[in-house]
Amino acid sequence: MAAAYQDFFIEQATDFSANVTLQDALGNPYDLNVFRVASQAKRSPYSTSPTITFNTIIADANNGIITLKAAANVTANIAATTLVYDVLIQDIASNTVSRVLEGRIFLDPAVTSIKLFPNE
């Protein structure tokens, strides 16, 4: 089964959060109660190191909803560019891994530096 495709836009130096509903080939949401989820973005599929490792949260396991997050201090350190990403799920019982979502991420450059905010 081919992974679904969705592009994202991230504004550099801002917090990124996106809710995504993961669906099977018939359009039914995955029951994520027995799965783990992971997601990374890279400059190319062949890059050895990820540019972003998303904090991936199962927001609603029964309806297949996950949240991908990256903090402002992470996005601030990425040059404005286009990245590729995917989302993998792993069945906890069988350890089977499937790619369920992929796409591109467009990073929009920031003008104001995040360093203007004091550390608390």
PDB file of N, CA and C in Angstrom:
ATOM      1  N   MET A   1       0.843  -1.173   0.000  1.00  0.00           N
ATOM      2  CA  MET A   1       0.000   0.000   0.000  1.00  0.00           C
ATOM      3  C   MET A   1       0.889   1.238   0.000  1.00  0.00           C
ATOM      4  N   ALA A   2       0.625   2.158  -0.869  1.00  0.00           N
ATOM      5  CA  ALA A   2       1.386   3.402  -0.964  1.00  0.00           C
ATOM      6  C   ALA A   2       1.000   4.345   0.176  1.00  0.00           C
ATOM      7  N   ALA A   3       1.983   5.088   0.636  1.00  0.00           N
ATOM      8  CA  ALA A   3       1.745   6.078   1.690  1.00  0.00           C
ATOM      9  C   ALA A   3       0.943   7.249   1.139  1.00  0.00           C
ATOM     10  N   ALA A   4       0.124   7.848   1.989  1.00  0.00           N
ATOM     11  CA  ALA A   4      -0.599   9.068   1.615  1.00  0.00           C
ATOM     12  C   ALA A   4       0.414  10.199   1.470  1.00  0.00           C
ATOM     13  N   TYR A   5       0.019  11.276   0.790  1.00  0.00           N
ATOM     14  CA  TYR A   5       0.920  12.395   0.515  1.00  0.00           C
ATOM     15  C   TYR A   5       0.306  13.691   1.031  1.00  0.00           C
ATOM     16  N   GLN A   6       1.102  14.471   1.771  1.00  0.00           N
ATOM     17  CA  GLN A   6       0.642  15.770   2.263  1.00  0.00           C
ATOM     18  C   GLN A   6       1.854  16.675   2.450  1.00  0.00           C
ATOM     19  N   ASP A   7       1.775  17.896   1.942  1.00  0.00           N
ATOM     20  CA  ASP A   7       2.836  18.880   2.129  1.00  0.00           C
ATOM     21  C   ASP A   7       2.518  19.756   3.331  1.00  0.00           C
ATOM     22  N   PHE A   8       3.594  20.299   3.952  1.00  0.00           N
ATOM     23  CA  PHE A   8       3.452  21.222   5.075  1.00  0.00           C
ATOM     24  C   PHE A   8       4.277  22.468   4.804  1.00  0.00           C
ATOM     25  N   PHE A   9       3.865  23.567   5.404  1.00  0.00           N
ATOM     26  CA  PHE A   9       4.614  24.810   5.379  1.00  0.00           C
ATOM     27  C   PHE A   9       4.990  25.133   6.823  1.00  0.00           C
ATOM     28  N   ILE A  10       6.281  25.390   7.045  1.00  0.00           N
ATOM     29  CA  ILE A  10       6.767  25.765   8.366  1.00  0.00           C
ATOM     30  C   ILE A  10       7.379  27.150   8.259  1.00  0.00           C
ATOM     31  N   GLU A  11       7.008  28.019   9.166  1.00  0.00           N
ATOM     32  CA  GLU A  11       7.619  29.338   9.234  1.00  0.00           C
ATOM     33  C   GLU A  11       8.842  29.234  10.133  1.00  0.00           C
ATOM     34  N   GLN A  12       9.992  29.581   9.587  1.00  0.00           N
ATOM     35  CA  GLN A  12      11.245  29.507  10.315  1.00  0.00           C
ATOM     36  C   GLN A  12      11.140  30.280  11.631  1.00  0.00           C
ATOM     37  N   ALA A  13      11.746  29.741  12.689  1.00  0.00           N
ATOM     38  CA  ALA A  13      11.805  30.365  14.017  1.00  0.00           C
ATOM     39  C   ALA A  13      10.453  30.447  14.721  1.00  0.00           C
ATOM     40  N   THR A  14       9.517  29.583  14.336  1.00  0.00           N
ATOM     41  CA  THR A  14       8.223  29.513  15.029  1.00  0.00           C
ATOM     42  C   THR A  14       7.956  28.069  15.433  1.00  0.00           C
ATOM     43  N   ASP A  15       7.065  27.906  16.406  1.00  0.00           N
ATOM     44  CA  ASP A  15       6.638  26.570  16.791  1.00  0.00           C
ATOM     45  C   ASP A  15       5.765  25.994  15.683  1.00  0.00           C
ATOM     46  N   PHE A  16       6.008  24.726  15.349  1.00  0.00           N
ATOM     47  CA  PHE A  16       5.214  24.044  14.324  1.00  0.00           C
ATOM     48  C   PHE A  16       4.419  22.936  14.988  1.00  0.00           C
ATOM     49  N   SER A  17       3.147  22.847  14.652  1.00  0.00           N
ATOM     50  CA  SER A  17       2.281  21.778  15.129  1.00  0.00           C
ATOM     51  C   SER A  17       1.240  21.502  14.060  1.00  0.00           C
ATOM     52  N   ALA A  18       1.102  20.237  13.704  1.00  0.00           N
ATOM     53  CA  ALA A  18       0.099  19.855  12.704  1.00  0.00           C
ATOM     54  C   ALA A  18      -0.592  18.568  13.131  1.00  0.00           C
ATOM     55  N   ASN A  19      -1.912  18.597  13.125  1.00  0.00           N
ATOM     56  CA  ASN A  19      -2.695  17.386  13.359  1.00  0.00           C
ATOM     57  C   ASN A  19      -2.954  16.714  12.026  1.00  0.00           C
ATOM     58  N   VAL A  20      -2.748  15.410  11.991  1.00  0.00           N
ATOM     59  CA  VAL A  20      -2.911  14.641  10.763  1.00  0.00           C
ATOM     60  C   VAL A  20      -3.731  13.404  11.083  1.00  0.00           C
ATOM     61  N   THR A  21      -4.706  13.097  10.222  1.00  0.00           N
ATOM     62  CA  THR A  21      -5.459  11.857  10.360  1.00  0.00           C
ATOM     63  C   THR A  21      -4.853  10.821   9.428  1.00  0.00           C
ATOM     64  N   LEU A  22      -4.346   9.738  10.002  1.00  0.00           N
ATOM     65  CA  LEU A  22      -3.755   8.660   9.211  1.00  0.00           C
ATOM     66  C   LEU A  22      -4.856   7.690   8.803  1.00  0.00           C
ATOM     67  N   GLN A  23      -4.939   7.434   7.487  1.00  0.00           N
ATOM     68  CA  GLN A  23      -6.004   6.589   6.954  1.00  0.00           C
ATOM     69  C   GLN A  23      -5.425   5.448   6.128  1.00  0.00           C
ATOM     70  N   ASP A  24      -6.157   4.340   6.094  1.00  0.00           N
ATOM     71  CA  ASP A  24      -5.750   3.218   5.253  1.00  0.00           C
ATOM     72  C   ASP A  24      -6.188   3.478   3.806  1.00  0.00           C
ATOM     73  N   ALA A  25      -5.940   2.521   2.932  1.00  0.00           N
ATOM     74  CA  ALA A  25      -6.230   2.685   1.504  1.00  0.00           C
ATOM     75  C   ALA A  25      -7.716   2.906   1.220  1.00  0.00           C
ATOM     76  N   LEU A  26      -8.588   2.485   2.124  1.00  0.00           N
ATOM     77  CA  LEU A  26     -10.036   2.657   1.945  1.00  0.00           C
ATOM     78  C   LEU A  26     -10.551   3.957   2.557  1.00  0.00           C
ATOM     79  N   GLY A  27      -9.641   4.746   3.155  1.00  0.00           N
ATOM     80  CA  GLY A  27     -10.050   6.011   3.763  1.00  0.00           C
ATOM     81  C   GLY A  27     -10.495   5.884   5.204  1.00  0.00           C
ATOM     82  N   ASN A  28     -10.322   4.701   5.793  1.00  0.00           N
ATOM     83  CA  ASN A  28     -10.675   4.498   7.197  1.00  0.00           C
ATOM     84  C   ASN A  28      -9.503   4.912   8.083  1.00  0.00           C
ATOM     85  N   PRO A  29      -9.777   5.628   9.171  1.00  0.00           N
ATOM     86  CA  PRO A  29      -8.678   6.018  10.050  1.00  0.00           C
ATOM     87  C   PRO A  29      -8.055   4.791  10.725  1.00  0.00           C
ATOM     88  N   TYR A  30      -6.733   4.848  10.871  1.00  0.00           N
ATOM     89  CA  TYR A  30      -6.042   3.778  11.592  1.00  0.00           C
ATOM     90  C   TYR A  30      -6.455   3.792  13.053  1.00  0.00           C
ATOM     91  N   ASP A  31      -6.599   2.608  13.642  1.00  0.00           N
ATOM     92  CA  ASP A  31      -6.758   2.482  15.085  1.00  0.00           C
ATOM     93  C   ASP A  31      -5.335   2.417  15.637  1.00  0.00           C
ATOM     94  N   LEU A  32      -4.876   3.506  16.209  1.00  0.00           N
ATOM     95  CA  LEU A  32      -3.483   3.606  16.649  1.00  0.00           C
ATOM     96  C   LEU A  32      -3.258   3.123  18.078  1.00  0.00           C
ATOM     97  N   ASN A  33      -4.248   2.456  18.662  1.00  0.00           N
ATOM     98  CA  ASN A  33      -4.103   1.964  20.031  1.00  0.00           C
ATOM     99  C   ASN A  33      -2.977   0.945  20.167  1.00  0.00           C
ATOM    100  N   VAL A  34      -2.616   0.265  19.097  1.00  0.00           N
ATOM    101  CA  VAL A  34      -1.576  -0.767  19.157  1.00  0.00           C
ATOM    102  C   VAL A  34      -0.366  -0.386  18.300  1.00  0.00           C
ATOM    103  N   PHE A  35      -0.173   0.930  18.085  1.00  0.00           N
ATOM    104  CA  PHE A  35       0.935   1.384  17.239  1.00  0.00           C
ATOM    105  C   PHE A  35       1.789   2.427  17.953  1.00  0.00           C
ATOM    106  N   ARG A  36       3.013   2.533  17.488  1.00  0.00           N
ATOM    107  CA  ARG A  36       3.907   3.635  17.807  1.00  0.00           C
ATOM    108  C   ARG A  36       4.085   4.438  16.532  1.00  0.00           C
ATOM    109  N   VAL A  37       4.396   5.714  16.669  1.00  0.00           N
ATOM    110  CA  VAL A  37       4.529   6.597  15.510  1.00  0.00           C
ATOM    111  C   VAL A  37       5.860   7.341  15.603  1.00  0.00           C
ATOM    112  N   ALA A  38       6.514   7.519  14.435  1.00  0.00           N
ATOM    113  CA  ALA A  38       7.758   8.288  14.372  1.00  0.00           C
ATOM    114  C   ALA A  38       7.788   9.068  13.064  1.00  0.00           C
ATOM    115  N   SER A  39       8.486  10.219  13.080  1.00  0.00           N
ATOM    116  CA  SER A  39       8.560  11.041  11.877  1.00  0.00           C
ATOM    117  C   SER A  39       9.822  11.895  11.898  1.00  0.00           C
ATOM    118  N   GLN A  40      10.455  11.975  10.726  1.00  0.00           N
ATOM    119  CA  GLN A  40      11.625  12.828  10.541  1.00  0.00           C
ATOM    120  C   GLN A  40      11.535  13.534   9.203  1.00  0.00           C
ATOM    121  N   ALA A  41      12.271  14.654   9.118  1.00  0.00           N
ATOM    122  CA  ALA A  41      12.407  15.384   7.863  1.00  0.00           C
ATOM    123  C   ALA A  41      13.898  15.514   7.554  1.00  0.00           C
ATOM    124  N   LYS A  42      14.215  15.445   6.247  1.00  0.00           N
ATOM    125  CA  LYS A  42      15.603  15.557   5.792  1.00  0.00           C
ATOM    126  C   LYS A  42      15.647  16.429   4.545  1.00  0.00           C
ATOM    127  N   ARG A  43      16.841  16.866   4.202  1.00  0.00           N
ATOM    128  CA  ARG A  43      17.027  17.646   2.974  1.00  0.00           C
ATOM    129  C   ARG A  43      16.782  16.787   1.743  1.00  0.00           C
ATOM    130  N   SER A  44      17.076  15.503   1.834  1.00  0.00           N
ATOM    131  CA  SER A  44      16.808  14.556   0.759  1.00  0.00           C
ATOM    132  C   SER A  44      16.608  13.185   1.392  1.00  0.00           C
ATOM    133  N   PRO A  45      15.942  12.266   0.711  1.00  0.00           N
ATOM    134  CA  PRO A  45      15.771  10.926   1.274  1.00  0.00           C
ATOM    135  C   PRO A  45      17.111  10.230   1.531  1.00  0.00           C
ATOM    136  N   TYR A  46      18.160  10.705   0.875  1.00  0.00           N
ATOM    137  CA  TYR A  46      19.469  10.068   0.971  1.00  0.00           C
ATOM    138  C   TYR A  46      20.371  10.724   2.006  1.00  0.00           C
ATOM    139  N   SER A  47      19.904  11.789   2.660  1.00  0.00           N
ATOM    140  CA  SER A  47      20.687  12.437   3.707  1.00  0.00           C
ATOM    141  C   SER A  47      20.892  11.463   4.862  1.00  0.00           C
ATOM    142  N   THR A  48      22.080  11.502   5.454  1.00  0.00           N
ATOM    143  CA  THR A  48      22.366  10.567   6.543  1.00  0.00           C
ATOM    144  C   THR A  48      21.801  11.033   7.878  1.00  0.00           C
ATOM    145  N   SER A  49      21.641  12.339   8.058  1.00  0.00           N
ATOM    146  CA  SER A  49      21.141  12.868   9.323  1.00  0.00           C
ATOM    147  C   SER A  49      19.826  13.606   9.114  1.00  0.00           C
ATOM    148  N   PRO A  50      18.888  13.445  10.055  1.00  0.00           N
ATOM    149  CA  PRO A  50      17.638  14.196   9.935  1.00  0.00           C
ATOM    150  C   PRO A  50      17.844  15.676  10.216  1.00  0.00           C
ATOM    151  N   THR A  51      17.098  16.502   9.532  1.00  0.00           N
ATOM    152  CA  THR A  51      17.080  17.934   9.800  1.00  0.00           C
ATOM    153  C   THR A  51      16.130  18.215  10.959  1.00  0.00           C
ATOM    154  N   ILE A  52      15.007  17.500  10.993  1.00  0.00           N
ATOM    155  CA  ILE A  52      14.029  17.603  12.087  1.00  0.00           C
ATOM    156  C   ILE A  52      13.622  16.193  12.495  1.00  0.00           C
ATOM    157  N   THR A  53      13.651  15.919  13.773  1.00  0.00           N
ATOM    158  CA  THR A  53      12.984  14.737  14.320  1.00  0.00           C
ATOM    159  C   THR A  53      11.775  15.272  15.064  1.00  0.00           C
ATOM    160  N   PHE A  54      10.615  15.013  14.518  1.00  0.00           N
ATOM    161  CA  PHE A  54       9.391  15.559  15.095  1.00  0.00           C
ATOM    162  C   PHE A  54       9.059  14.896  16.425  1.00  0.00           C
ATOM    163  N   ASN A  55       8.531  15.696  17.337  1.00  0.00           N
ATOM    164  CA  ASN A  55       7.895  15.159  18.523  1.00  0.00           C
ATOM    165  C   ASN A  55       6.538  14.675  18.018  1.00  0.00           C
ATOM    166  N   THR A  56       6.354  13.374  17.970  1.00  0.00           N
ATOM    167  CA  THR A  56       5.161  12.786  17.365  1.00  0.00           C
ATOM    168  C   THR A  56       4.264  12.228  18.458  1.00  0.00           C
ATOM    169  N   ILE A  57       3.052  12.738  18.528  1.00  0.00           N
ATOM    170  CA  ILE A  57       2.105  12.401  19.585  1.00  0.00           C
ATOM    171  C   ILE A  57       0.869  11.752  18.965  1.00  0.00           C
ATOM    172  N   ILE A  58       0.421  10.673  19.552  1.00  0.00           N
ATOM    173  CA  ILE A  58      -0.872  10.105  19.142  1.00  0.00           C
ATOM    174  C   ILE A  58      -1.942  10.893  19.895  1.00  0.00           C
ATOM    175  N   ALA A  59      -2.632  11.768  19.173  1.00  0.00           N
ATOM    176  CA  ALA A  59      -3.605  12.674  19.782  1.00  0.00           C
ATOM    177  C   ALA A  59      -4.954  11.996  20.012  1.00  0.00           C
ATOM    178  N   ASP A  60      -5.364  11.120  19.099  1.00  0.00           N
ATOM    179  CA  ASP A  60      -6.639  10.408  19.195  1.00  0.00           C
ATOM    180  C   ASP A  60      -6.450   9.052  18.535  1.00  0.00           C
ATOM    181  N   ALA A  61      -6.082   8.063  19.339  1.00  0.00           N
ATOM    182  CA  ALA A  61      -5.746   6.731  18.819  1.00  0.00           C
ATOM    183  C   ALA A  61      -6.916   6.081  18.081  1.00  0.00           C
ATOM    184  N   ASN A  62      -8.122   6.246  18.570  1.00  0.00           N
ATOM    185  CA  ASN A  62      -9.287   5.595  17.952  1.00  0.00           C
ATOM    186  C   ASN A  62      -9.591   6.137  16.560  1.00  0.00           C
ATOM    187  N   ASN A  63      -9.243   7.404  16.312  1.00  0.00           N
ATOM    188  CA  ASN A  63      -9.554   8.034  15.030  1.00  0.00           C
ATOM    189  C   ASN A  63      -8.325   8.302  14.172  1.00  0.00           C
ATOM    190  N   GLY A  64      -7.187   7.709  14.544  1.00  0.00           N
ATOM    191  CA  GLY A  64      -5.985   7.804  13.726  1.00  0.00           C
ATOM    192  C   GLY A  64      -5.348   9.173  13.658  1.00  0.00           C
ATOM    193  N   ILE A  65      -5.564  10.012  14.677  1.00  0.00           N
ATOM    194  CA  ILE A  65      -5.043  11.375  14.629  1.00  0.00           C
ATOM    195  C   ILE A  65      -3.723  11.473  15.392  1.00  0.00           C
ATOM    196  N   ILE A  66      -2.715  11.991  14.700  1.00  0.00           N
ATOM    197  CA  ILE A  66      -1.425  12.241  15.328  1.00  0.00           C
ATOM    198  C   ILE A  66      -1.117  13.740  15.250  1.00  0.00           C
ATOM    199  N   THR A  67      -0.186  14.175  16.083  1.00  0.00           N
ATOM    200  CA  THR A  67       0.294  15.540  16.039  1.00  0.00           C
ATOM    201  C   THR A  67       1.802  15.502  15.830  1.00  0.00           C
ATOM    202  N   LEU A  68       2.275  16.261  14.831  1.00  0.00           N
ATOM    203  CA  LEU A  68       3.703  16.437  14.585  1.00  0.00           C
ATOM    204  C   LEU A  68       4.080  17.799  15.136  1.00  0.00           C
ATOM    205  N   LYS A  69       5.153  17.840  15.942  1.00  0.00           N
ATOM    206  CA  LYS A  69       5.565  19.105  16.542  1.00  0.00           C
ATOM    207  C   LYS A  69       7.063  19.312  16.388  1.00  0.00           C
ATOM    208  N   ALA A  70       7.434  20.588  16.212  1.00  0.00           N
ATOM    209  CA  ALA A  70       8.822  21.015  16.250  1.00  0.00           C
ATOM    210  C   ALA A  70       8.850  22.384  16.913  1.00  0.00           C
ATOM    211  N   ALA A  71       9.747  22.566  17.862  1.00  0.00           N
ATOM    212  CA  ALA A  71       9.834  23.811  18.616  1.00  0.00           C
ATOM    213  C   ALA A  71      10.493  24.914  17.798  1.00  0.00           C
ATOM    214  N   ALA A  72      10.229  26.153  18.187  1.00  0.00           N
ATOM    215  CA  ALA A  72      10.770  27.315  17.490  1.00  0.00           C
ATOM    216  C   ALA A  72      12.295  27.296  17.444  1.00  0.00           C
ATOM    217  N   ASN A  73      12.937  26.835  18.518  1.00  0.00           N
ATOM    218  CA  ASN A  73      14.404  26.796  18.509  1.00  0.00           C
ATOM    219  C   ASN A  73      14.935  25.764  17.516  1.00  0.00           C
ATOM    220  N   VAL A  74      14.141  24.788  17.147  1.00  0.00           N
ATOM    221  CA  VAL A  74      14.524  23.819  16.112  1.00  0.00           C
ATOM    222  C   VAL A  74      14.348  24.438  14.729  1.00  0.00           C
ATOM    223  N   THR A  75      13.184  25.018  14.481  1.00  0.00           N
ATOM    224  CA  THR A  75      12.928  25.583  13.148  1.00  0.00           C
ATOM    225  C   THR A  75      13.801  26.808  12.881  1.00  0.00           C
ATOM    226  N   ALA A  76      14.251  27.499  13.934  1.00  0.00           N
ATOM    227  CA  ALA A  76      15.098  28.678  13.763  1.00  0.00           C
ATOM    228  C   ALA A  76      16.463  28.318  13.187  1.00  0.00           C
ATOM    229  N   ASN A  77      16.893  27.091  13.429  1.00  0.00           N
ATOM    230  CA  ASN A  77      18.226  26.661  13.011  1.00  0.00           C
ATOM    231  C   ASN A  77      18.247  25.960  11.658  1.00  0.00           C
ATOM    232  N   ILE A  78      17.164  26.058  10.920  1.00  0.00           N
ATOM    233  CA  ILE A  78      17.092  25.433   9.599  1.00  0.00           C
ATOM    234  C   ILE A  78      17.022  26.535   8.543  1.00  0.00           C
ATOM    235  N   ALA A  79      17.919  26.462   7.603  1.00  0.00           N
ATOM    236  CA  ALA A  79      17.887  27.434   6.508  1.00  0.00           C
ATOM    237  C   ALA A  79      16.602  27.256   5.714  1.00  0.00           C
ATOM    238  N   ALA A  80      16.085  28.356   5.199  1.00  0.00           N
ATOM    239  CA  ALA A  80      14.874  28.283   4.371  1.00  0.00           C
ATOM    240  C   ALA A  80      15.167  27.368   3.186  1.00  0.00           C
ATOM    241  N   THR A  81      14.383  26.322   3.063  1.00  0.00           N
ATOM    242  CA  THR A  81      14.627  25.292   2.060  1.00  0.00           C
ATOM    243  C   THR A  81      13.390  24.428   1.912  1.00  0.00           C
ATOM    244  N   THR A  82      13.510  23.390   1.121  1.00  0.00           N
ATOM    245  CA  THR A  82      12.479  22.367   1.011  1.00  0.00           C
ATOM    246  C   THR A  82      13.043  21.072   1.560  1.00  0.00           C
ATOM    247  N   LEU A  83      12.275  20.430   2.423  1.00  0.00           N
ATOM    248  CA  LEU A  83      12.664  19.152   3.011  1.00  0.00           C
ATOM    249  C   LEU A  83      11.684  18.075   2.567  1.00  0.00           C
ATOM    250  N   VAL A  84      12.060  16.828   2.752  1.00  0.00           N
ATOM    251  CA  VAL A  84      11.140  15.705   2.576  1.00  0.00           C
ATOM    252  C   VAL A  84      10.944  15.071   3.952  1.00  0.00           C
ATOM    253  N   TYR A  85       9.775  14.488   4.165  1.00  0.00           N
ATOM    254  CA  TYR A  85       9.495  13.851   5.452  1.00  0.00           C
ATOM    255  C   TYR A  85       8.655  12.609   5.210  1.00  0.00           C
ATOM    256  N   ASP A  86       8.579  11.768   6.222  1.00  0.00           N
ATOM    257  CA  ASP A  86       7.607  10.689   6.213  1.00  0.00           C
ATOM    258  C   ASP A  86       7.193  10.375   7.649  1.00  0.00           C
ATOM    259  N   VAL A  87       6.127   9.598   7.758  1.00  0.00           N
ATOM    260  CA  VAL A  87       5.616   9.145   9.040  1.00  0.00           C
ATOM    261  C   VAL A  87       5.550   7.624   8.978  1.00  0.00           C
ATOM    262  N   LEU A  88       6.184   6.998   9.965  1.00  0.00           N
ATOM    263  CA  LEU A  88       6.151   5.544  10.073  1.00  0.00           C
ATOM    264  C   LEU A  88       5.319   5.150  11.284  1.00  0.00           C
ATOM    265  N   ILE A  89       4.613   4.022  11.153  1.00  0.00           N
ATOM    266  CA  ILE A  89       3.929   3.447  12.306  1.00  0.00           C
ATOM    267  C   ILE A  89       4.476   2.043  12.516  1.00  0.00           C
ATOM    268  N   GLN A  90       4.535   1.637  13.788  1.00  0.00           N
ATOM    269  CA  GLN A  90       4.997   0.294  14.121  1.00  0.00           C
ATOM    270  C   GLN A  90       3.935  -0.394  14.955  1.00  0.00           C
ATOM    271  N   ASP A  91       3.518  -1.572  14.497  1.00  0.00           N
ATOM    272  CA  ASP A  91       2.578  -2.403  15.249  1.00  0.00           C
ATOM    273  C   ASP A  91       3.328  -2.950  16.459  1.00  0.00           C
ATOM    274  N   ILE A  92       2.847  -2.650  17.651  1.00  0.00           N
ATOM    275  CA  ILE A  92       3.534  -3.055  18.878  1.00  0.00           C
ATOM    276  C   ILE A  92       3.596  -4.571  19.015  1.00  0.00           C
ATOM    277  N   ALA A  93       2.558  -5.283  18.604  1.00  0.00           N
ATOM    278  CA  ALA A  93       2.516  -6.740  18.759  1.00  0.00           C
ATOM    279  C   ALA A  93       3.453  -7.459  17.785  1.00  0.00           C
ATOM    280  N   SER A  94       3.420  -7.049  16.513  1.00  0.00           N
ATOM    281  CA  SER A  94       4.194  -7.768  15.492  1.00  0.00           C
ATOM    282  C   SER A  94       5.510  -7.085  15.134  1.00  0.00           C
ATOM    283  N   ASN A  95       5.713  -5.857  15.593  1.00  0.00           N
ATOM    284  CA  ASN A  95       6.874  -5.027  15.237  1.00  0.00           C
ATOM    285  C   ASN A  95       6.925  -4.667  13.758  1.00  0.00           C
ATOM    286  N   THR A  96       5.828  -4.858  13.028  1.00  0.00           N
ATOM    287  CA  THR A  96       5.762  -4.502  11.614  1.00  0.00           C
ATOM    288  C   THR A  96       5.739  -2.988  11.476  1.00  0.00           C
ATOM    289  N   VAL A  97       6.595  -2.479  10.581  1.00  0.00           N
ATOM    290  CA  VAL A  97       6.689  -1.040  10.356  1.00  0.00           C
ATOM    291  C   VAL A  97       6.116  -0.709   8.976  1.00  0.00           C
ATOM    292  N   SER A  98       5.296   0.333   8.906  1.00  0.00           N
ATOM    293  CA  SER A  98       4.701   0.779   7.647  1.00  0.00           C
ATOM    294  C   SER A  98       4.869   2.289   7.506  1.00  0.00           C
ATOM    295  N   ARG A  99       5.138   2.732   6.290  1.00  0.00           N
ATOM    296  CA  ARG A  99       5.138   4.168   6.005  1.00  0.00           C
ATOM    297  C   ARG A  99       3.721   4.530   5.595  1.00  0.00           C
ATOM    298  N   VAL A 100       3.121   5.487   6.302  1.00  0.00           N
ATOM    299  CA  VAL A 100       1.716   5.823   6.059  1.00  0.00           C
ATOM    300  C   VAL A 100       1.515   7.224   5.502  1.00  0.00           C
ATOM    301  N   LEU A 101       2.548   8.068   5.587  1.00  0.00           N
ATOM    302  CA  LEU A 101       2.422   9.438   5.104  1.00  0.00           C
ATOM    303  C   LEU A 101       3.796   9.931   4.679  1.00  0.00           C
ATOM    304  N   GLU A 102       3.812  10.728   3.607  1.00  0.00           N
ATOM    305  CA  GLU A 102       5.057  11.336   3.145  1.00  0.00           C
ATOM    306  C   GLU A 102       4.729  12.631   2.438  1.00  0.00           C
ATOM    307  N   GLY A 103       5.749  13.446   2.222  1.00  0.00           N
ATOM    308  CA  GLY A 103       5.527  14.700   1.519  1.00  0.00           C
ATOM    309  C   GLY A 103       6.726  15.614   1.629  1.00  0.00           C
ATOM    310  N   ARG A 104       6.482  16.873   1.306  1.00  0.00           N
ATOM    311  CA  ARG A 104       7.523  17.895   1.363  1.00  0.00           C
ATOM    312  C   ARG A 104       7.168  18.911   2.436  1.00  0.00           C
ATOM    313  N   ILE A 105       8.195  19.546   2.952  1.00  0.00           N
ATOM    314  CA  ILE A 105       8.035  20.634   3.908  1.00  0.00           C
ATOM    315  C   ILE A 105       8.738  21.841   3.321  1.00  0.00           C
ATOM    316  N   PHE A 106       8.009  22.931   3.208  1.00  0.00           N
ATOM    317  CA  PHE A 106       8.560  24.177   2.698  1.00  0.00           C
ATOM    318  C   PHE A 106       8.822  25.088   3.895  1.00  0.00           C
ATOM    319  N   LEU A 107      10.085  25.485   4.085  1.00  0.00           N
ATOM    320  CA  LEU A 107      10.442  26.387   5.178  1.00  0.00           C
ATOM    321  C   LEU A 107      10.466  27.813   4.672  1.00  0.00           C
ATOM    322  N   ASP A 108       9.606  28.634   5.261  1.00  0.00           N
ATOM    323  CA  ASP A 108       9.486  30.041   4.911  1.00  0.00           C
ATOM    324  C   ASP A 108      10.451  30.826   5.792  1.00  0.00           C
ATOM    325  N   PRO A 109      11.347  31.655   5.213  1.00  0.00           N
ATOM    326  CA  PRO A 109      12.342  32.345   6.026  1.00  0.00           C
ATOM    327  C   PRO A 109      11.739  33.375   6.973  1.00  0.00           C
ATOM    328  N   ALA A 110      12.397  33.507   8.135  1.00  0.00           N
ATOM    329  CA  ALA A 110      11.986  34.495   9.130  1.00  0.00           C
ATOM    330  C   ALA A 110      12.827  35.755   8.985  1.00  0.00           C
ATOM    331  N   VAL A 111      12.281  36.866   9.419  1.00  0.00           N
ATOM    332  CA  VAL A 111      13.003  38.131   9.426  1.00  0.00           C
ATOM    333  C   VAL A 111      13.476  38.436  10.846  1.00  0.00           C
ATOM    334  N   THR A 112      12.584  38.268  11.812  1.00  0.00           N
ATOM    335  CA  THR A 112      12.888  38.576  13.202  1.00  0.00           C
ATOM    336  C   THR A 112      13.578  37.387  13.858  1.00  0.00           C
ATOM    337  N   SER A 113      14.634  37.662  14.606  1.00  0.00           N
ATOM    338  CA  SER A 113      15.382  36.615  15.280  1.00  0.00           C
ATOM    339  C   SER A 113      14.667  36.162  16.546  1.00  0.00           C
ATOM    340  N   ILE A 114      14.636  34.865  16.753  1.00  0.00           N
ATOM    341  CA  ILE A 114      14.056  34.308  17.977  1.00  0.00           C
ATOM    342  C   ILE A 114      14.886  34.720  19.191  1.00  0.00           C
ATOM    343  N   LYS A 115      16.132  35.128  18.968  1.00  0.00           N
ATOM    344  CA  LYS A 115      17.024  35.529  20.058  1.00  0.00           C
ATOM    345  C   LYS A 115      16.575  36.820  20.735  1.00  0.00           C
ATOM    346  N   LEU A 116      15.605  37.506  20.144  1.00  0.00           N
ATOM    347  CA  LEU A 116      15.070  38.719  20.775  1.00  0.00           C
ATOM    348  C   LEU A 116      14.249  38.414  22.028  1.00  0.00           C
ATOM    349  N   PHE A 117      13.784  37.171  22.149  1.00  0.00           N
ATOM    350  CA  PHE A 117      13.027  36.777  23.334  1.00  0.00           C
ATOM    351  C   PHE A 117      13.990  36.351  24.410  1.00  0.00           C
ATOM    352  N   PRO A 118      13.866  36.906  25.618  1.00  0.00           N
ATOM    353  CA  PRO A 118      14.792  36.537  26.705  1.00  0.00           C
ATOM    354  C   PRO A 118      14.538  35.111  27.169  1.00  0.00           C
ATOM    355  N   ASN A 119      15.599  34.453  27.607  1.00  0.00           N
ATOM    356  CA  ASN A 119      15.452  33.128  28.211  1.00  0.00           C
ATOM    357  C   ASN A 119      14.880  33.282  29.610  1.00  0.00           C
ATOM    358  N   GLU A 120      13.935  32.433  29.932  1.00  0.00           N
ATOM    359  CA  GLU A 120      13.330  32.524  31.270  1.00  0.00           C
ATOM    360  C   GLU A 120      13.717  31.332  32.082  1.00  0.00           C
TER     361      GLU A 120
END
